[in-house]
C-alpha atoms as a PDB file:
ATOM      1  CA  UNK A   1     -12.478  -2.643 -16.472  1.00  0.00           C
ATOM      2  CA  UNK A   2     -11.797  -2.519 -19.965  1.00  0.00           C
ATOM      3  CA  UNK A   3      -8.040  -0.954 -21.975  1.00  0.00           C
ATOM      4  CA  UNK A   4      -8.085   1.888 -24.533  1.00  0.00           C
ATOM      5  CA  UNK A   5      -8.807   0.219 -27.572  1.00  0.00           C
ATOM      6  CA  UNK A   6     -11.833  -1.076 -25.474  1.00  0.00           C
ATOM      7  CA  UNK A   7     -10.781  -4.965 -25.154  1.00  0.00           C
ATOM      8  CA  UNK A   8     -10.157  -6.905 -21.676  1.00  0.00           C
ATOM      9  CA  UNK A   9      -7.075  -7.219 -19.947  1.00  0.00           C
ATOM     10  CA  UNK A  10      -5.492  -9.831 -20.017  1.00  0.00           C
ATOM     11  CA  UNK A  11      -4.727  -9.675 -16.230  1.00  0.00           C
ATOM     12  CA  UNK A  12      -7.986  -9.945 -13.755  1.00  0.00           C
ATOM     13  CA  UNK A  13      -6.254  -8.815 -10.093  1.00  0.00           C
ATOM     14  CA  UNK A  14      -3.213  -8.686  -8.640  1.00  0.00           C
ATOM     15  CA  UNK A  15      -2.750 -10.541  -5.138  1.00  0.00           C
ATOM     16  CA  UNK A  16       0.520 -10.219  -2.982  1.00  0.00           C
ATOM     17  CA  UNK A  17       0.764 -13.616  -0.932  1.00  0.00           C
ATOM     18  CA  UNK A  18       2.903 -13.233   2.325  1.00  0.00           C
ATOM     19  CA  UNK A  19       3.781 -15.661   4.722  1.00  0.00           C
ATOM     20  CA  UNK A  20       3.252 -15.071   7.646  1.00  0.00           C
ATOM     21  CA  UNK A  21       4.445 -16.539  10.763  1.00  0.00           C
ATOM     22  CA  UNK A  22       2.119 -15.573  13.099  1.00  0.00           C
ATOM     23  CA  UNK A  23      -0.622 -15.567  10.944  1.00  0.00           C
ATOM     24  CA  UNK A  24      -3.794 -14.938  14.215  1.00  0.00           C
ATOM     25  CA  UNK A  25      -2.098 -11.749  14.675  1.00  0.00           C
ATOM     26  CA  UNK A  26      -1.352 -10.485  10.282  1.00  0.00           C
ATOM     27  CA  UNK A  27      -5.015 -11.266  10.023  1.00  0.00           C
ATOM     28  CA  UNK A  28      -6.935  -9.662  13.044  1.00  0.00           C
ATOM     29  CA  UNK A  29      -4.344  -6.626  12.207  1.00  0.00           C
ATOM     30  CA  UNK A  30      -4.925  -6.613   8.377  1.00  0.00           C
ATOM     31  CA  UNK A  31      -8.389  -7.706   8.673  1.00  0.00           C
ATOM     32  CA  UNK A  32     -10.206  -6.015  11.850  1.00  0.00           C
ATOM     33  CA  UNK A  33      -7.983  -2.973  12.151  1.00  0.00           C
ATOM     34  CA  UNK A  34      -6.740  -1.984   8.803  1.00  0.00           C
ATOM     35  CA  UNK A  35     -10.362  -2.815   7.421  1.00  0.00           C
ATOM     36  CA  UNK A  36      -9.985  -5.298   4.057  1.00  0.00           C
ATOM     37  CA  UNK A  37     -12.414  -7.356   3.875  1.00  0.00           C
ATOM     38  CA  UNK A  38     -12.395 -10.816   4.173  1.00  0.00           C
ATOM     39  CA  UNK A  39     -13.493 -12.283   0.317  1.00  0.00           C
ATOM     40  CA  UNK A  40     -12.460 -16.049   0.859  1.00  0.00           C
ATOM     41  CA  UNK A  41     -10.572 -18.208   3.074  1.00  0.00           C
ATOM     42  CA  UNK A  42      -9.187 -21.744   2.710  1.00  0.00           C
ATOM     43  CA  UNK A  43      -7.809 -24.371   5.347  1.00  0.00           C
ATOM     44  CA  UNK A  44      -6.012 -27.845   4.484  1.00  0.00           C
ATOM     45  CA  UNK A  45      -4.133 -30.548   6.228  1.00  0.00           C
ATOM     46  CA  UNK A  46      -1.496 -29.973   8.379  1.00  0.00           C
ATOM     47  CA  UNK A  47      -3.199 -26.558   9.360  1.00  0.00           C
ATOM     48  CA  UNK A  48      -2.693 -25.022   7.011  1.00  0.00           C
ATOM     49  CA  UNK A  49      -4.021 -21.592   6.605  1.00  0.00           C
ATOM     50  CA  UNK A  50      -4.948 -18.573   4.371  1.00  0.00           C
ATOM     51  CA  UNK A  51      -7.542 -15.863   3.955  1.00  0.00           C
ATOM     52  CA  UNK A  52      -7.708 -13.469   0.886  1.00  0.00           C
ATOM     53  CA  UNK A  53      -8.682  -9.663   2.175  1.00  0.00           C
ATOM     54  CA  UNK A  54      -9.989  -7.184  -0.124  1.00  0.00           C
ATOM     55  CA  UNK A  55      -7.723  -4.431  -1.039  1.00  0.00           C
ATOM     56  CA  UNK A  56     -10.193  -2.614  -3.222  1.00  0.00           C
ATOM     57  CA  UNK A  57      -8.673  -2.082  -6.644  1.00  0.00           C
ATOM     58  CA  UNK A  58      -4.794  -3.273  -7.221  1.00  0.00           C
ATOM     59  CA  UNK A  59      -1.786  -1.390  -8.688  1.00  0.00           C
ATOM     60  CA  UNK A  60       1.974  -2.342  -9.205  1.00  0.00           C
ATOM     61  CA  UNK A  61       4.065   0.043  -9.003  1.00  0.00           C
ATOM     62  CA  UNK A  62       7.657  -0.301 -10.624  1.00  0.00           C
ATOM     63  CA  UNK A  63      10.402   2.279  -9.206  1.00  0.00           C
ATOM     64  CA  UNK A  64      13.766   2.315 -10.701  1.00  0.00           C
ATOM     65  CA  UNK A  65      16.497   2.543  -7.426  1.00  0.00           C
ATOM     66  CA  UNK A  66      16.548   6.255  -8.019  1.00  0.00           C
ATOM     67  CA  UNK A  67      13.050   6.202  -7.680  1.00  0.00           C
ATOM     68  CA  UNK A  68      12.683   4.060  -4.366  1.00  0.00           C
ATOM     69  CA  UNK A  69      15.512   6.400  -2.480  1.00  0.00           C
ATOM     70  CA  UNK A  70      13.481   9.583  -3.392  1.00  0.00           C
ATOM     71  CA  UNK A  71      10.140   7.768  -1.806  1.00  0.00           C
ATOM     72  CA  UNK A  72      11.781   6.818   0.996  1.00  0.00           C
ATOM     73  CA  UNK A  73      13.934  10.444   1.542  1.00  0.00           C
ATOM     74  CA  UNK A  74      10.127  12.105   1.070  1.00  0.00           C
ATOM     75  CA  UNK A  75       8.691  10.362   2.952  1.00  0.00           C
ATOM     76  CA  UNK A  76      10.858   8.930   5.823  1.00  0.00           C
ATOM     77  CA  UNK A  77      13.859  11.379   5.581  1.00  0.00           C
ATOM     78  CA  UNK A  78      15.978   8.633   4.890  1.00  0.00           C
ATOM     79  CA  UNK A  79      17.069   4.966   3.363  1.00  0.00           C
ATOM     80  CA  UNK A  80      13.754   2.369   4.880  1.00  0.00           C
ATOM     81  CA  UNK A  81      12.252   0.220   2.693  1.00  0.00           C
ATOM     82  CA  UNK A  82      12.659  -2.486   1.854  1.00  0.00           C
ATOM     83  CA  UNK A  83      12.861  -4.288  -1.783  1.00  0.00           C
ATOM     84  CA  UNK A  84       9.128  -4.679  -1.123  1.00  0.00           C
ATOM     85  CA  UNK A  85       6.194  -2.203   0.164  1.00  0.00           C
ATOM     86  CA  UNK A  86       2.523  -2.231   0.066  1.00  0.00           C
ATOM     87  CA  UNK A  87       0.798   1.011   0.235  1.00  0.00           C
ATOM     88  CA  UNK A  88      -2.723   1.322   1.206  1.00  0.00           C
ATOM     89  CA  UNK A  89      -4.838   4.363  -0.092  1.00  0.00           C
ATOM     90  CA  UNK A  90      -7.155   5.451   3.327  1.00  0.00           C
ATOM     91  CA  UNK A  91      -9.903   8.451   3.695  1.00  0.00           C
ATOM     92  CA  UNK A  92      -7.740   9.379   6.247  1.00  0.00           C
ATOM     93  CA  UNK A  93      -4.531   9.285   7.251  1.00  0.00           C
ATOM     94  CA  UNK A  94      -4.006  10.276  10.435  1.00  0.00           C
ATOM     95  CA  UNK A  95      -6.433   8.402  11.952  1.00  0.00           C
ATOM     96  CA  UNK A  96      -5.306   5.397  10.017  1.00  0.00           C
ATOM     97  CA  UNK A  97      -2.054   5.308  11.295  1.00  0.00           C
ATOM     98  CA  UNK A  98      -2.763   5.847  14.693  1.00  0.00           C
ATOM     99  CA  UNK A  99      -5.471   2.826  14.551  1.00  0.00           C
ATOM    100  CA  UNK A 100      -3.046   0.901  13.206  1.00  0.00           C
ATOM    101  CA  UNK A 101       0.056   1.881  15.898  1.00  0.00           C
ATOM    102  CA  UNK A 102      -2.334   1.294  18.578  1.00  0.00           C
ATOM    103  CA  UNK A 103      -2.522  -2.389  16.909  1.00  0.00           C
ATOM    104  CA  UNK A 104       0.406  -3.476  17.032  1.00  0.00           C
ATOM    105  CA  UNK A 105       2.149  -1.688  13.868  1.00  0.00           C
ATOM    106  CA  UNK A 106       5.770   0.365  14.123  1.00  0.00           C
ATOM    107  CA  UNK A 107       5.242   4.165  12.965  1.00  0.00           C
ATOM    108  CA  UNK A 108       8.455   4.904  10.933  1.00  0.00           C
ATOM    109  CA  UNK A 109       7.567   8.541  10.014  1.00  0.00           C
ATOM    110  CA  UNK A 110       4.368  10.106  10.717  1.00  0.00           C
ATOM    111  CA  UNK A 111       1.929  11.345   7.523  1.00  0.00           C
ATOM    112  CA  UNK A 112       4.102  13.342   5.720  1.00  0.00           C
ATOM    113  CA  UNK A 113       2.799  15.560   2.646  1.00  0.00           C
ATOM    114  CA  UNK A 114       4.538  15.060   0.345  1.00  0.00           C
ATOM    115  CA  UNK A 115       5.319  16.732  -3.857  1.00  0.00           C
ATOM    116  CA  UNK A 116       2.569  14.613  -5.318  1.00  0.00           C
ATOM    117  CA  UNK A 117       0.366  16.263  -2.787  1.00  0.00           C
ATOM    118  CA  UNK A 118      -0.784  12.691  -0.809  1.00  0.00           C
ATOM    119  CA  UNK A 119      -0.449  13.130   2.934  1.00  0.00           C
ATOM    120  CA  UNK A 120       1.730   9.485   3.407  1.00  0.00           C
ATOM    121  CA  UNK A 121       2.695   7.658   6.977  1.00  0.00           C
ATOM    122  CA  UNK A 122       5.587   4.874   7.178  1.00  0.00           C
ATOM    123  CA  UNK A 123       4.914   1.777   9.271  1.00  0.00           C
ATOM    124  CA  UNK A 124       6.400  -1.680  10.131  1.00  0.00           C
ATOM    125  CA  UNK A 125       3.502  -3.947  10.248  1.00  0.00           C
ATOM    126  CA  UNK A 126       2.980  -7.873  10.954  1.00  0.00           C
ATOM    127  CA  UNK A 127       3.787 -10.752   8.543  1.00  0.00           C
ATOM    128  CA  UNK A 128       6.995  -8.385   8.206  1.00  0.00           C
ATOM    129  CA  UNK A 129       5.743  -5.394   5.999  1.00  0.00           C
ATOM    130  CA  UNK A 130       6.594  -1.956   5.135  1.00  0.00           C
ATOM    131  CA  UNK A 131       3.800  -0.110   4.125  1.00  0.00           C
ATOM    132  CA  UNK A 132       2.486   3.194   3.150  1.00  0.00           C
ATOM    133  CA  UNK A 133      -0.671   4.109   3.979  1.00  0.00           C
ATOM    134  CA  UNK A 134      -1.488   7.036   2.193  1.00  0.00           C
ATOM    135  CA  UNK A 135      -3.981  10.134   1.582  1.00  0.00           C
ATOM    136  CA  UNK A 136      -4.609  11.600  -1.328  1.00  0.00           C
ATOM    137  CA  UNK A 137      -5.129  15.794  -1.192  1.00  0.00           C
ATOM    138  CA  UNK A 138      -5.884  16.374  -4.646  1.00  0.00           C
ATOM    139  CA  UNK A 139      -8.003  14.541  -7.444  1.00  0.00           C
ATOM    140  CA  UNK A 140      -6.017  12.807 -10.673  1.00  0.00           C
ATOM    141  CA  UNK A 141      -7.097  15.792 -13.007  1.00  0.00           C
ATOM    142  CA  UNK A 142      -5.255  18.197 -10.343  1.00  0.00           C
ATOM    143  CA  UNK A 143      -2.253  15.685  -9.739  1.00  0.00           C
ATOM    144  CA  UNK A 144      -1.848  15.473 -13.399  1.00  0.00           C
ATOM    145  CA  UNK A 145      -0.935  19.568 -13.750  1.00  0.00           C
ATOM    146  CA  UNK A 146       2.021  18.984 -11.165  1.00  0.00           C
ATOM    147  CA  UNK A 147       5.861  19.029 -12.590  1.00  0.00           C
ATOM    148  CA  UNK A 148       6.633  15.235 -12.310  1.00  0.00           C
ATOM    149  CA  UNK A 149       3.590  13.596 -12.707  1.00  0.00           C
ATOM    150  CA  UNK A 150       2.201  12.084 -16.203  1.00  0.00           C
ATOM    151  CA  UNK A 151       1.741   8.455 -17.630  1.00  0.00           C
ATOM    152  CA  UNK A 152       4.683   8.447 -20.279  1.00  0.00           C
ATOM    153  CA  UNK A 153       8.589   7.876 -18.651  1.00  0.00           C
ATOM    154  CA  UNK A 154       7.516  10.129 -15.321  1.00  0.00           C
ATOM    155  CA  UNK A 155       7.900   9.318 -11.985  1.00  0.00           C
ATOM    156  CA  UNK A 156       3.940   8.674 -10.983  1.00  0.00           C
ATOM    157  CA  UNK A 157       4.438   7.728  -7.412  1.00  0.00           C
ATOM    158  CA  UNK A 158       1.388   6.822  -4.427  1.00  0.00           C
END
């Protein structure tokens, strides 16, 4: 990937590190149920273990408090998300939600069509993560024509 000026970006990867009290359950949920392929795994003294799961393309979504409240209102109907929420783009939001709930996630809100035309579901998942699974229903080009969608000062959201 290169920047618009043709140079390599200074950051190559976003890695979200999450401490899980029940490591085995969290690993099974995210790797085996959600389907994030294991890229690497390491262990060390004292029973220390880590697995690095490939989540595809990573982005860092920075939202001000008003946008966070707006997204919560649209997707759930009330304020529920903590400071950090992890979102996963999937091909089928309903099927993924059903699979994750069957594996122990708690559904906070069912798949809901948002104003930015994605189908978003909210769940409380292992490792104390509040997550969104979302399915894009329009192409990027189609979404760019929507009110409020843009790249300069607009509130893009998944």
